[in-house]
Amino acid sequence: MRKVMLFGAVLACAPGVALAQSDAVFAPCAACHSTKAGENRVGPTLRGIVGRPKGSVAGFSYSTAMKSQKGVWTEAALDMFIANPRTAVPGTRMIYAGMADKAQRGKLVAYLKSLK
């Protein structure tokens, strides 16, 4: 019993555990988006998205709706977009329906912010 508790405590503090939690929150995005710089998929890379001008990843073919967006991706703008992409950017080609859970969106936005 004591070994199991010790193992659990070590596991809870291990760097890989935080990464696994980040991976879990990013899972809905991972099929279409990469977190590696310069690696576009069906969607553009999300590395460095917070603070980046909207519709600006080199080599990615954005919809006209996304290219016409002004400003940069702030945490608030990402939260709104992740909640409902089609409402936030009418005409977007993003097929993701959205994430209703505000707490989950907050975790996802925090994870995206960490991708510098």
PDB file of N, CA and C in Angstrom:
ATOM      1  N   MET A   1       0.825  -1.191   0.000  1.00  0.00           N
ATOM      2  CA  MET A   1       0.000   0.000   0.000  1.00  0.00           C
ATOM      3  C   MET A   1       0.869   1.254   0.000  1.00  0.00           C
ATOM      4  N   ARG A   2       1.905   1.248   0.835  1.00  0.00           N
ATOM      5  CA  ARG A   2       2.775   2.414   0.930  1.00  0.00           C
ATOM      6  C   ARG A   2       3.493   2.677  -0.388  1.00  0.00           C
ATOM      7  N   LYS A   3       3.940   1.610  -1.072  1.00  0.00           N
ATOM      8  CA  LYS A   3       4.610   1.778  -2.364  1.00  0.00           C
ATOM      9  C   LYS A   3       3.659   2.379  -3.392  1.00  0.00           C
ATOM     10  N   VAL A   4       2.418   1.961  -3.380  1.00  0.00           N
ATOM     11  CA  VAL A   4       1.430   2.478  -4.316  1.00  0.00           C
ATOM     12  C   VAL A   4       1.201   3.962  -4.077  1.00  0.00           C
ATOM     13  N   MET A   5       1.086   4.361  -2.806  1.00  0.00           N
ATOM     14  CA  MET A   5       0.880   5.770  -2.484  1.00  0.00           C
ATOM     15  C   MET A   5       2.086   6.597  -2.896  1.00  0.00           C
ATOM     16  N   LEU A   6       3.289   6.106  -2.653  1.00  0.00           N
ATOM     17  CA  LEU A   6       4.500   6.809  -3.038  1.00  0.00           C
ATOM     18  C   LEU A   6       4.574   6.938  -4.550  1.00  0.00           C
ATOM     19  N   PHE A   7       4.278   5.862  -5.262  1.00  0.00           N
ATOM     20  CA  PHE A   7       4.296   5.885  -6.723  1.00  0.00           C
ATOM     21  C   PHE A   7       3.293   6.913  -7.241  1.00  0.00           C
ATOM     22  N   GLY A   8       2.103   6.958  -6.625  1.00  0.00           N
ATOM     23  CA  GLY A   8       1.073   7.924  -7.020  1.00  0.00           C
ATOM     24  C   GLY A   8       1.532   9.350  -6.805  1.00  0.00           C
ATOM     25  N   ALA A   9       2.223   9.612  -5.700  1.00  0.00           N
ATOM     26  CA  ALA A   9       2.720  10.957  -5.406  1.00  0.00           C
ATOM     27  C   ALA A   9       3.789  11.365  -6.411  1.00  0.00           C
ATOM     28  N   VAL A  10       4.672  10.448  -6.767  1.00  0.00           N
ATOM     29  CA  VAL A  10       5.713  10.733  -7.757  1.00  0.00           C
ATOM     30  C   VAL A  10       5.069  10.991  -9.115  1.00  0.00           C
ATOM     31  N   LEU A  11       4.102  10.174  -9.471  1.00  0.00           N
ATOM     32  CA  LEU A  11       3.418  10.317 -10.745  1.00  0.00           C
ATOM     33  C   LEU A  11       2.699  11.653 -10.846  1.00  0.00           C
ATOM     34  N   ALA A  12       2.065  12.077  -9.771  1.00  0.00           N
ATOM     35  CA  ALA A  12       1.327  13.333  -9.770  1.00  0.00           C
ATOM     36  C   ALA A  12       2.245  14.538  -9.957  1.00  0.00           C
ATOM     37  N   CYS A  13       3.499  14.408  -9.577  1.00  0.00           N
ATOM     38  CA  CYS A  13       4.443  15.511  -9.703  1.00  0.00           C
ATOM     39  C   CYS A  13       5.299  15.404 -10.961  1.00  0.00           C
ATOM     40  N   ALA A  14       5.151  14.351 -11.716  1.00  0.00           N
ATOM     41  CA  ALA A  14       5.984  14.128 -12.893  1.00  0.00           C
ATOM     42  C   ALA A  14       5.618  15.107 -14.004  1.00  0.00           C
ATOM     43  N   PRO A  15       6.618  15.632 -14.730  1.00  0.00           N
ATOM     44  CA  PRO A  15       6.350  16.570 -15.817  1.00  0.00           C
ATOM     45  C   PRO A  15       5.430  15.982 -16.879  1.00  0.00           C
ATOM     46  N   GLY A  16       5.518  14.711 -17.145  1.00  0.00           N
ATOM     47  CA  GLY A  16       4.691  14.075 -18.165  1.00  0.00           C
ATOM     48  C   GLY A  16       3.210  14.077 -17.833  1.00  0.00           C
ATOM     49  N   VAL A  17       2.867  14.167 -16.556  1.00  0.00           N
ATOM     50  CA  VAL A  17       1.460  14.169 -16.162  1.00  0.00           C
ATOM     51  C   VAL A  17       0.806  15.467 -16.623  1.00  0.00           C
ATOM     52  N   ALA A  18       1.474  16.584 -16.428  1.00  0.00           N
ATOM     53  CA  ALA A  18       0.932  17.857 -16.892  1.00  0.00           C
ATOM     54  C   ALA A  18       0.789  17.839 -18.412  1.00  0.00           C
ATOM     55  N   LEU A  19       1.748  17.281 -19.095  1.00  0.00           N
ATOM     56  CA  LEU A  19       1.686  17.184 -20.544  1.00  0.00           C
ATOM     57  C   LEU A  19       0.502  16.326 -20.954  1.00  0.00           C
ATOM     58  N   ALA A  20       0.276  15.228 -20.266  1.00  0.00           N
ATOM     59  CA  ALA A  20      -0.855  14.358 -20.585  1.00  0.00           C
ATOM     60  C   ALA A  20      -2.171  15.111 -20.408  1.00  0.00           C
ATOM     61  N   GLN A  21      -2.291  15.931 -19.374  1.00  0.00           N
ATOM     62  CA  GLN A  21      -3.501  16.712 -19.167  1.00  0.00           C
ATOM     63  C   GLN A  21      -3.656  17.733 -20.291  1.00  0.00           C
ATOM     64  N   SER A  22      -2.553  18.349 -20.725  1.00  0.00           N
ATOM     65  CA  SER A  22      -2.588  19.285 -21.838  1.00  0.00           C
ATOM     66  C   SER A  22      -2.988  18.561 -23.113  1.00  0.00           C
ATOM     67  N   ASP A  23      -2.441  17.369 -23.305  1.00  0.00           N
ATOM     68  CA  ASP A  23      -2.803  16.582 -24.478  1.00  0.00           C
ATOM     69  C   ASP A  23      -4.291  16.291 -24.484  1.00  0.00           C
ATOM     70  N   ALA A  24      -4.857  15.984 -23.322  1.00  0.00           N
ATOM     71  CA  ALA A  24      -6.280  15.664 -23.232  1.00  0.00           C
ATOM     72  C   ALA A  24      -7.140  16.872 -23.601  1.00  0.00           C
ATOM     73  N   VAL A  25      -6.775  18.053 -23.135  1.00  0.00           N
ATOM     74  CA  VAL A  25      -7.563  19.248 -23.439  1.00  0.00           C
ATOM     75  C   VAL A  25      -7.392  19.641 -24.909  1.00  0.00           C
ATOM     76  N   PHE A  26      -6.262  19.309 -25.510  1.00  0.00           N
ATOM     77  CA  PHE A  26      -5.998  19.636 -26.912  1.00  0.00           C
ATOM     78  C   PHE A  26      -6.552  18.582 -27.872  1.00  0.00           C
ATOM     79  N   ALA A  27      -6.960  17.443 -27.361  1.00  0.00           N
ATOM     80  CA  ALA A  27      -7.404  16.319 -28.199  1.00  0.00           C
ATOM     81  C   ALA A  27      -8.422  16.701 -29.269  1.00  0.00           C
ATOM     82  N   PRO A  28      -9.442  17.523 -28.979  1.00  0.00           N
ATOM     83  CA  PRO A  28     -10.399  17.862 -30.035  1.00  0.00           C
ATOM     84  C   PRO A  28      -9.763  18.641 -31.196  1.00  0.00           C
ATOM     85  N   CYS A  29      -8.635  19.265 -30.949  1.00  0.00           N
ATOM     86  CA  CYS A  29      -7.964  20.098 -31.953  1.00  0.00           C
ATOM     87  C   CYS A  29      -6.916  19.325 -32.753  1.00  0.00           C
ATOM     88  N   ALA A  30      -6.360  18.296 -32.133  1.00  0.00           N
ATOM     89  CA  ALA A  30      -5.181  17.609 -32.672  1.00  0.00           C
ATOM     90  C   ALA A  30      -5.398  16.930 -34.018  1.00  0.00           C
ATOM     91  N   ALA A  31      -6.613  16.564 -34.330  1.00  0.00           N
ATOM     92  CA  ALA A  31      -6.858  15.909 -35.621  1.00  0.00           C
ATOM     93  C   ALA A  31      -6.592  16.858 -36.785  1.00  0.00           C
ATOM     94  N   CYS A  32      -6.791  18.149 -36.569  1.00  0.00           N
ATOM     95  CA  CYS A  32      -6.651  19.125 -37.654  1.00  0.00           C
ATOM     96  C   CYS A  32      -5.499  20.112 -37.479  1.00  0.00           C
ATOM     97  N   HIS A  33      -5.051  20.317 -36.241  1.00  0.00           N
ATOM     98  CA  HIS A  33      -4.030  21.331 -35.963  1.00  0.00           C
ATOM     99  C   HIS A  33      -2.796  20.717 -35.332  1.00  0.00           C
ATOM    100  N   SER A  34      -1.641  21.253 -35.707  1.00  0.00           N
ATOM    101  CA  SER A  34      -0.370  20.875 -35.097  1.00  0.00           C
ATOM    102  C   SER A  34       0.016  21.924 -34.069  1.00  0.00           C
ATOM    103  N   THR A  35       0.902  21.541 -33.160  1.00  0.00           N
ATOM    104  CA  THR A  35       1.470  22.504 -32.212  1.00  0.00           C
ATOM    105  C   THR A  35       2.923  22.803 -32.570  1.00  0.00           C
ATOM    106  N   LYS A  36       3.377  22.276 -33.703  1.00  0.00           N
ATOM    107  CA  LYS A  36       4.748  22.507 -34.153  1.00  0.00           C
ATOM    108  C   LYS A  36       4.785  23.706 -35.093  1.00  0.00           C
ATOM    109  N   ALA A  37       5.772  24.569 -34.912  1.00  0.00           N
ATOM    110  CA  ALA A  37       5.926  25.743 -35.763  1.00  0.00           C
ATOM    111  C   ALA A  37       6.085  25.316 -37.215  1.00  0.00           C
ATOM    112  N   GLY A  38       5.358  25.979 -38.099  1.00  0.00           N
ATOM    113  CA  GLY A  38       5.478  25.727 -39.529  1.00  0.00           C
ATOM    114  C   GLY A  38       4.786  24.471 -40.031  1.00  0.00           C
ATOM    115  N   GLU A  39       4.123  23.732 -39.144  1.00  0.00           N
ATOM    116  CA  GLU A  39       3.464  22.494 -39.555  1.00  0.00           C
ATOM    117  C   GLU A  39       1.950  22.709 -39.637  1.00  0.00           C
ATOM    118  N   ASN A  40       1.486  23.008 -40.845  1.00  0.00           N
ATOM    119  CA  ASN A  40       0.056  23.163 -41.070  1.00  0.00           C
ATOM    120  C   ASN A  40      -0.538  21.816 -41.463  1.00  0.00           C
ATOM    121  N   ARG A  41      -1.768  21.620 -41.085  1.00  0.00           N
ATOM    122  CA  ARG A  41      -2.521  20.412 -41.462  1.00  0.00           C
ATOM    123  C   ARG A  41      -3.797  20.887 -42.141  1.00  0.00           C
ATOM    124  N   VAL A  42      -4.920  20.277 -41.823  1.00  0.00           N
ATOM    125  CA  VAL A  42      -6.201  20.755 -42.326  1.00  0.00           C
ATOM    126  C   VAL A  42      -6.419  22.181 -41.817  1.00  0.00           C
ATOM    127  N   GLY A  43      -5.952  22.451 -40.601  1.00  0.00           N
ATOM    128  CA  GLY A  43      -5.965  23.784 -40.012  1.00  0.00           C
ATOM    129  C   GLY A  43      -4.534  24.262 -39.826  1.00  0.00           C
ATOM    130  N   PRO A  44      -4.354  25.548 -39.584  1.00  0.00           N
ATOM    131  CA  PRO A  44      -2.998  26.075 -39.391  1.00  0.00           C
ATOM    132  C   PRO A  44      -2.392  25.634 -38.061  1.00  0.00           C
ATOM    133  N   THR A  45      -1.061  25.699 -37.978  1.00  0.00           N
ATOM    134  CA  THR A  45      -0.402  25.409 -36.706  1.00  0.00           C
ATOM    135  C   THR A  45      -0.925  26.360 -35.637  1.00  0.00           C
ATOM    136  N   LEU A  46      -1.005  25.856 -34.420  1.00  0.00           N
ATOM    137  CA  LEU A  46      -1.458  26.693 -33.315  1.00  0.00           C
ATOM    138  C   LEU A  46      -0.300  27.156 -32.433  1.00  0.00           C
ATOM    139  N   ARG A  47       0.915  26.807 -32.808  1.00  0.00           N
ATOM    140  CA  ARG A  47       2.105  27.287 -32.089  1.00  0.00           C
ATOM    141  C   ARG A  47       2.146  28.804 -32.198  1.00  0.00           C
ATOM    142  N   GLY A  48       2.210  29.483 -31.078  1.00  0.00           N
ATOM    143  CA  GLY A  48       2.331  30.938 -31.059  1.00  0.00           C
ATOM    144  C   GLY A  48       1.047  31.680 -31.424  1.00  0.00           C
ATOM    145  N   ILE A  49      -0.099  31.031 -31.277  1.00  0.00           N
ATOM    146  CA  ILE A  49      -1.353  31.672 -31.697  1.00  0.00           C
ATOM    147  C   ILE A  49      -1.720  32.895 -30.856  1.00  0.00           C
ATOM    148  N   VAL A  50      -1.497  32.855 -29.551  1.00  0.00           N
ATOM    149  CA  VAL A  50      -1.866  34.008 -28.719  1.00  0.00           C
ATOM    150  C   VAL A  50      -0.939  35.173 -29.062  1.00  0.00           C
ATOM    151  N   GLY A  51      -1.551  36.267 -29.516  1.00  0.00           N
ATOM    152  CA  GLY A  51      -0.793  37.448 -29.930  1.00  0.00           C
ATOM    153  C   GLY A  51      -0.502  37.499 -31.421  1.00  0.00           C
ATOM    154  N   ARG A  52      -0.816  36.438 -32.140  1.00  0.00           N
ATOM    155  CA  ARG A  52      -0.562  36.392 -33.583  1.00  0.00           C
ATOM    156  C   ARG A  52      -1.732  37.047 -34.330  1.00  0.00           C
ATOM    157  N   PRO A  53      -1.437  37.801 -35.395  1.00  0.00           N
ATOM    158  CA  PRO A  53      -2.529  38.355 -36.199  1.00  0.00           C
ATOM    159  C   PRO A  53      -3.413  37.237 -36.754  1.00  0.00           C
ATOM    160  N   LYS A  54      -4.701  37.466 -36.754  1.00  0.00           N
ATOM    161  CA  LYS A  54      -5.653  36.475 -37.258  1.00  0.00           C
ATOM    162  C   LYS A  54      -5.414  36.232 -38.746  1.00  0.00           C
ATOM    163  N   GLY A  55      -5.543  34.972 -39.155  1.00  0.00           N
ATOM    164  CA  GLY A  55      -5.416  34.611 -40.562  1.00  0.00           C
ATOM    165  C   GLY A  55      -4.047  34.879 -41.156  1.00  0.00           C
ATOM    166  N   SER A  56      -2.985  34.659 -40.382  1.00  0.00           N
ATOM    167  CA  SER A  56      -1.660  35.091 -40.841  1.00  0.00           C
ATOM    168  C   SER A  56      -0.587  34.013 -40.943  1.00  0.00           C
ATOM    169  N   VAL A  57      -0.914  32.748 -40.743  1.00  0.00           N
ATOM    170  CA  VAL A  57       0.120  31.719 -40.796  1.00  0.00           C
ATOM    171  C   VAL A  57       0.554  31.511 -42.251  1.00  0.00           C
ATOM    172  N   ALA A  58       1.842  31.680 -42.497  1.00  0.00           N
ATOM    173  CA  ALA A  58       2.391  31.515 -43.843  1.00  0.00           C
ATOM    174  C   ALA A  58       2.130  30.104 -44.359  1.00  0.00           C
ATOM    175  N   GLY A  59       1.725  30.023 -45.609  1.00  0.00           N
ATOM    176  CA  GLY A  59       1.535  28.730 -46.243  1.00  0.00           C
ATOM    177  C   GLY A  59       0.186  28.085 -45.978  1.00  0.00           C
ATOM    178  N   PHE A  60      -0.679  28.738 -45.194  1.00  0.00           N
ATOM    179  CA  PHE A  60      -1.995  28.162 -44.941  1.00  0.00           C
ATOM    180  C   PHE A  60      -3.035  28.914 -45.757  1.00  0.00           C
ATOM    181  N   SER A  61      -3.944  28.183 -46.376  1.00  0.00           N
ATOM    182  CA  SER A  61      -4.997  28.762 -47.208  1.00  0.00           C
ATOM    183  C   SER A  61      -6.249  29.009 -46.361  1.00  0.00           C
ATOM    184  N   TYR A  62      -6.376  30.217 -45.851  1.00  0.00           N
ATOM    185  CA  TYR A  62      -7.507  30.590 -45.009  1.00  0.00           C
ATOM    186  C   TYR A  62      -8.753  30.876 -45.846  1.00  0.00           C
ATOM    187  N   SER A  63      -9.907  30.738 -45.217  1.00  0.00           N
ATOM    188  CA  SER A  63     -11.160  31.145 -45.849  1.00  0.00           C
ATOM    189  C   SER A  63     -11.143  32.668 -45.987  1.00  0.00           C
ATOM    190  N   THR A  64     -11.955  33.170 -46.881  1.00  0.00           N
ATOM    191  CA  THR A  64     -12.082  34.619 -47.049  1.00  0.00           C
ATOM    192  C   THR A  64     -12.538  35.246 -45.735  1.00  0.00           C
ATOM    193  N   ALA A  65     -13.446  34.566 -45.044  1.00  0.00           N
ATOM    194  CA  ALA A  65     -13.956  35.086 -43.762  1.00  0.00           C
ATOM    195  C   ALA A  65     -12.829  35.248 -42.747  1.00  0.00           C
ATOM    196  N   MET A  66     -11.948  34.258 -42.655  1.00  0.00           N
ATOM    197  CA  MET A  66     -10.852  34.349 -41.676  1.00  0.00           C
ATOM    198  C   MET A  66      -9.814  35.366 -42.116  1.00  0.00           C
ATOM    199  N   LYS A  67      -9.526  35.428 -43.403  1.00  0.00           N
ATOM    200  CA  LYS A  67      -8.552  36.420 -43.889  1.00  0.00           C
ATOM    201  C   LYS A  67      -9.022  37.843 -43.639  1.00  0.00           C
ATOM    202  N   SER A  68     -10.330  38.051 -43.582  1.00  0.00           N
ATOM    203  CA  SER A  68     -10.854  39.403 -43.392  1.00  0.00           C
ATOM    204  C   SER A  68     -10.905  39.818 -41.918  1.00  0.00           C
ATOM    205  N   GLN A  69     -10.583  38.916 -41.006  1.00  0.00           N
ATOM    206  CA  GLN A  69     -10.600  39.236 -39.573  1.00  0.00           C
ATOM    207  C   GLN A  69      -9.488  40.220 -39.231  1.00  0.00           C
ATOM    208  N   LYS A  70      -9.812  41.169 -38.402  1.00  0.00           N
ATOM    209  CA  LYS A  70      -8.847  42.177 -37.954  1.00  0.00           C
ATOM    210  C   LYS A  70      -8.326  41.808 -36.573  1.00  0.00           C
ATOM    211  N   GLY A  71      -7.160  42.324 -36.243  1.00  0.00           N
ATOM    212  CA  GLY A  71      -6.623  42.160 -34.902  1.00  0.00           C
ATOM    213  C   GLY A  71      -5.816  40.890 -34.722  1.00  0.00           C
ATOM    214  N   VAL A  72      -5.524  40.615 -33.460  1.00  0.00           N
ATOM    215  CA  VAL A  72      -4.715  39.449 -33.103  1.00  0.00           C
ATOM    216  C   VAL A  72      -5.558  38.490 -32.273  1.00  0.00           C
ATOM    217  N   TRP A  73      -5.063  37.269 -32.165  1.00  0.00           N
ATOM    218  CA  TRP A  73      -5.716  36.267 -31.322  1.00  0.00           C
ATOM    219  C   TRP A  73      -5.371  36.547 -29.869  1.00  0.00           C
ATOM    220  N   THR A  74      -6.322  37.093 -29.146  1.00  0.00           N
ATOM    221  CA  THR A  74      -6.185  37.288 -27.701  1.00  0.00           C
ATOM    222  C   THR A  74      -6.811  36.080 -27.017  1.00  0.00           C
ATOM    223  N   GLU A  75      -6.630  35.979 -25.730  1.00  0.00           N
ATOM    224  CA  GLU A  75      -7.262  34.891 -24.981  1.00  0.00           C
ATOM    225  C   GLU A  75      -8.788  34.984 -25.098  1.00  0.00           C
ATOM    226  N   ALA A  76      -9.324  36.193 -25.028  1.00  0.00           N
ATOM    227  CA  ALA A  76     -10.779  36.377 -25.134  1.00  0.00           C
ATOM    228  C   ALA A  76     -11.284  36.013 -26.527  1.00  0.00           C
ATOM    229  N   ALA A  77     -10.550  36.408 -27.559  1.00  0.00           N
ATOM    230  CA  ALA A  77     -10.952  36.082 -28.935  1.00  0.00           C
ATOM    231  C   ALA A  77     -10.905  34.578 -29.170  1.00  0.00           C
ATOM    232  N   LEU A  78      -9.883  33.923 -28.653  1.00  0.00           N
ATOM    233  CA  LEU A  78      -9.800  32.465 -28.782  1.00  0.00           C
ATOM    234  C   LEU A  78     -10.943  31.784 -28.048  1.00  0.00           C
ATOM    235  N   ASP A  79     -11.249  32.259 -26.844  1.00  0.00           N
ATOM    236  CA  ASP A  79     -12.349  31.690 -26.075  1.00  0.00           C
ATOM    237  C   ASP A  79     -13.652  31.780 -26.870  1.00  0.00           C
ATOM    238  N   MET A  80     -13.916  32.927 -27.457  1.00  0.00           N
ATOM    239  CA  MET A  80     -15.131  33.122 -28.235  1.00  0.00           C
ATOM    240  C   MET A  80     -15.147  32.220 -29.477  1.00  0.00           C
ATOM    241  N   PHE A  81     -14.012  32.115 -30.140  1.00  0.00           N
ATOM    242  CA  PHE A  81     -13.924  31.296 -31.347  1.00  0.00           C
ATOM    243  C   PHE A  81     -14.091  29.817 -31.015  1.00  0.00           C
ATOM    244  N   ILE A  82     -13.436  29.366 -29.971  1.00  0.00           N
ATOM    245  CA  ILE A  82     -13.527  27.954 -29.577  1.00  0.00           C
ATOM    246  C   ILE A  82     -14.944  27.610 -29.119  1.00  0.00           C
ATOM    247  N   ALA A  83     -15.629  28.553 -28.494  1.00  0.00           N
ATOM    248  CA  ALA A  83     -17.004  28.317 -28.045  1.00  0.00           C
ATOM    249  C   ALA A  83     -17.921  28.019 -29.222  1.00  0.00           C
ATOM    250  N   ASN A  84     -17.770  28.778 -30.308  1.00  0.00           N
ATOM    251  CA  ASN A  84     -18.602  28.574 -31.489  1.00  0.00           C
ATOM    252  C   ASN A  84     -17.934  29.243 -32.692  1.00  0.00           C
ATOM    253  N   PRO A  85     -17.085  28.504 -33.406  1.00  0.00           N
ATOM    254  CA  PRO A  85     -16.346  29.097 -34.524  1.00  0.00           C
ATOM    255  C   PRO A  85     -17.228  29.774 -35.573  1.00  0.00           C
ATOM    256  N   ARG A  86     -18.359  29.184 -35.894  1.00  0.00           N
ATOM    257  CA  ARG A  86     -19.210  29.729 -36.963  1.00  0.00           C
ATOM    258  C   ARG A  86     -19.917  31.017 -36.558  1.00  0.00           C
ATOM    259  N   THR A  87     -20.150  31.192 -35.267  1.00  0.00           N
ATOM    260  CA  THR A  87     -20.731  32.449 -34.785  1.00  0.00           C
ATOM    261  C   THR A  87     -19.649  33.518 -34.690  1.00  0.00           C
ATOM    262  N   ALA A  88     -18.474  33.141 -34.213  1.00  0.00           N
ATOM    263  CA  ALA A  88     -17.374  34.093 -34.045  1.00  0.00           C
ATOM    264  C   ALA A  88     -16.856  34.606 -35.386  1.00  0.00           C
ATOM    265  N   VAL A  89     -16.799  33.708 -36.376  1.00  0.00           N
ATOM    266  CA  VAL A  89     -16.315  34.073 -37.712  1.00  0.00           C
ATOM    267  C   VAL A  89     -17.266  33.453 -38.744  1.00  0.00           C
ATOM    268  N   PRO A  90     -18.374  34.130 -39.020  1.00  0.00           N
ATOM    269  CA  PRO A  90     -19.304  33.600 -40.017  1.00  0.00           C
ATOM    270  C   PRO A  90     -18.588  33.384 -41.359  1.00  0.00           C
ATOM    271  N   GLY A  91     -18.754  32.203 -41.911  1.00  0.00           N
ATOM    272  CA  GLY A  91     -18.089  31.873 -43.168  1.00  0.00           C
ATOM    273  C   GLY A  91     -16.790  31.114 -42.990  1.00  0.00           C
ATOM    274  N   THR A  92     -16.389  30.848 -41.733  1.00  0.00           N
ATOM    275  CA  THR A  92     -15.170  30.077 -41.504  1.00  0.00           C
ATOM    276  C   THR A  92     -15.330  28.677 -42.099  1.00  0.00           C
ATOM    277  N   ARG A  93     -14.223  28.079 -42.492  1.00  0.00           N
ATOM    278  CA  ARG A  93     -14.259  26.698 -42.983  1.00  0.00           C
ATOM    279  C   ARG A  93     -14.022  25.704 -41.849  1.00  0.00           C
ATOM    280  N   MET A  94     -13.783  26.198 -40.660  1.00  0.00           N
ATOM    281  CA  MET A  94     -13.539  25.298 -39.536  1.00  0.00           C
ATOM    282  C   MET A  94     -14.798  24.485 -39.269  1.00  0.00           C
ATOM    283  N   ILE A  95     -14.642  23.155 -39.248  1.00  0.00           N
ATOM    284  CA  ILE A  95     -15.804  22.286 -39.105  1.00  0.00           C
ATOM    285  C   ILE A  95     -16.140  21.945 -37.660  1.00  0.00           C
ATOM    286  N   TYR A  96     -15.286  22.308 -36.723  1.00  0.00           N
ATOM    287  CA  TYR A  96     -15.511  22.036 -35.308  1.00  0.00           C
ATOM    288  C   TYR A  96     -16.746  22.803 -34.834  1.00  0.00           C
ATOM    289  N   ALA A  97     -17.665  22.126 -34.172  1.00  0.00           N
ATOM    290  CA  ALA A  97     -18.927  22.739 -33.743  1.00  0.00           C
ATOM    291  C   ALA A  97     -18.768  23.690 -32.561  1.00  0.00           C
ATOM    292  N   GLY A  98     -17.740  23.492 -31.751  1.00  0.00           N
ATOM    293  CA  GLY A  98     -17.524  24.373 -30.611  1.00  0.00           C
ATOM    294  C   GLY A  98     -17.460  23.620 -29.299  1.00  0.00           C
ATOM    295  N   MET A  99     -16.965  24.307 -28.281  1.00  0.00           N
ATOM    296  CA  MET A  99     -16.796  23.738 -26.941  1.00  0.00           C
ATOM    297  C   MET A  99     -17.633  24.571 -25.978  1.00  0.00           C
ATOM    298  N   ALA A 100     -18.720  23.994 -25.509  1.00  0.00           N
ATOM    299  CA  ALA A 100     -19.651  24.723 -24.647  1.00  0.00           C
ATOM    300  C   ALA A 100     -19.111  24.969 -23.237  1.00  0.00           C
ATOM    301  N   ASP A 101     -18.310  24.051 -22.724  1.00  0.00           N
ATOM    302  CA  ASP A 101     -17.830  24.117 -21.346  1.00  0.00           C
ATOM    303  C   ASP A 101     -16.776  25.216 -21.172  1.00  0.00           C
ATOM    304  N   LYS A 102     -17.138  26.279 -20.461  1.00  0.00           N
ATOM    305  CA  LYS A 102     -16.243  27.428 -20.266  1.00  0.00           C
ATOM    306  C   LYS A 102     -14.950  27.035 -19.559  1.00  0.00           C
ATOM    307  N   ALA A 103     -15.031  26.150 -18.575  1.00  0.00           N
ATOM    308  CA  ALA A 103     -13.832  25.723 -17.842  1.00  0.00           C
ATOM    309  C   ALA A 103     -12.882  24.976 -18.784  1.00  0.00           C
ATOM    310  N   GLN A 104     -13.413  24.124 -19.629  1.00  0.00           N
ATOM    311  CA  GLN A 104     -12.571  23.398 -20.593  1.00  0.00           C
ATOM    312  C   GLN A 104     -11.937  24.364 -21.585  1.00  0.00           C
ATOM    313  N   ARG A 105     -12.715  25.348 -22.045  1.00  0.00           N
ATOM    314  CA  ARG A 105     -12.155  26.353 -22.955  1.00  0.00           C
ATOM    315  C   ARG A 105     -11.019  27.107 -22.279  1.00  0.00           C
ATOM    316  N   GLY A 106     -11.201  27.431 -21.013  1.00  0.00           N
ATOM    317  CA  GLY A 106     -10.155  28.132 -20.269  1.00  0.00           C
ATOM    318  C   GLY A 106      -8.871  27.323 -20.211  1.00  0.00           C
ATOM    319  N   LYS A 107      -9.004  26.029 -19.985  1.00  0.00           N
ATOM    320  CA  LYS A 107      -7.829  25.150 -19.961  1.00  0.00           C
ATOM    321  C   LYS A 107      -7.181  25.082 -21.339  1.00  0.00           C
ATOM    322  N   LEU A 108      -8.003  25.001 -22.365  1.00  0.00           N
ATOM    323  CA  LEU A 108      -7.472  24.943 -23.727  1.00  0.00           C
ATOM    324  C   LEU A 108      -6.761  26.239 -24.100  1.00  0.00           C
ATOM    325  N   VAL A 109      -7.358  27.352 -23.787  1.00  0.00           N
ATOM    326  CA  VAL A 109      -6.737  28.656 -24.088  1.00  0.00           C
ATOM    327  C   VAL A 109      -5.420  28.790 -23.313  1.00  0.00           C
ATOM    328  N   ALA A 110      -5.390  28.376 -22.061  1.00  0.00           N
ATOM    329  CA  ALA A 110      -4.145  28.421 -21.269  1.00  0.00           C
ATOM    330  C   ALA A 110      -3.075  27.546 -21.926  1.00  0.00           C
ATOM    331  N   TYR A 111      -3.469  26.379 -22.403  1.00  0.00           N
ATOM    332  CA  TYR A 111      -2.522  25.497 -23.090  1.00  0.00           C
ATOM    333  C   TYR A 111      -2.016  26.161 -24.374  1.00  0.00           C
ATOM    334  N   LEU A 112      -2.923  26.733 -25.163  1.00  0.00           N
ATOM    335  CA  LEU A 112      -2.508  27.393 -26.398  1.00  0.00           C
ATOM    336  C   LEU A 112      -1.565  28.561 -26.098  1.00  0.00           C
ATOM    337  N   LYS A 113      -1.822  29.281 -25.032  1.00  0.00           N
ATOM    338  CA  LYS A 113      -0.959  30.409 -24.640  1.00  0.00           C
ATOM    339  C   LYS A 113       0.458  29.925 -24.304  1.00  0.00           C
ATOM    340  N   SER A 114       0.568  28.695 -23.803  1.00  0.00           N
ATOM    341  CA  SER A 114       1.885  28.160 -23.444  1.00  0.00           C
ATOM    342  C   SER A 114       2.720  27.743 -24.655  1.00  0.00           C
ATOM    343  N   LEU A 115       2.106  27.682 -25.824  1.00  0.00           N
ATOM    344  CA  LEU A 115       2.798  27.252 -27.038  1.00  0.00           C
ATOM    345  C   LEU A 115       3.503  28.433 -27.696  1.00  0.00           C
ATOM    346  N   LYS A 116       4.664  28.754 -27.208  1.00  0.00           N
ATOM    347  CA  LYS A 116       5.388  29.930 -27.724  1.00  0.00           C
ATOM    348  C   LYS A 116       6.507  29.518 -28.646  1.00  0.00           C
TER     349      LYS A 116
END
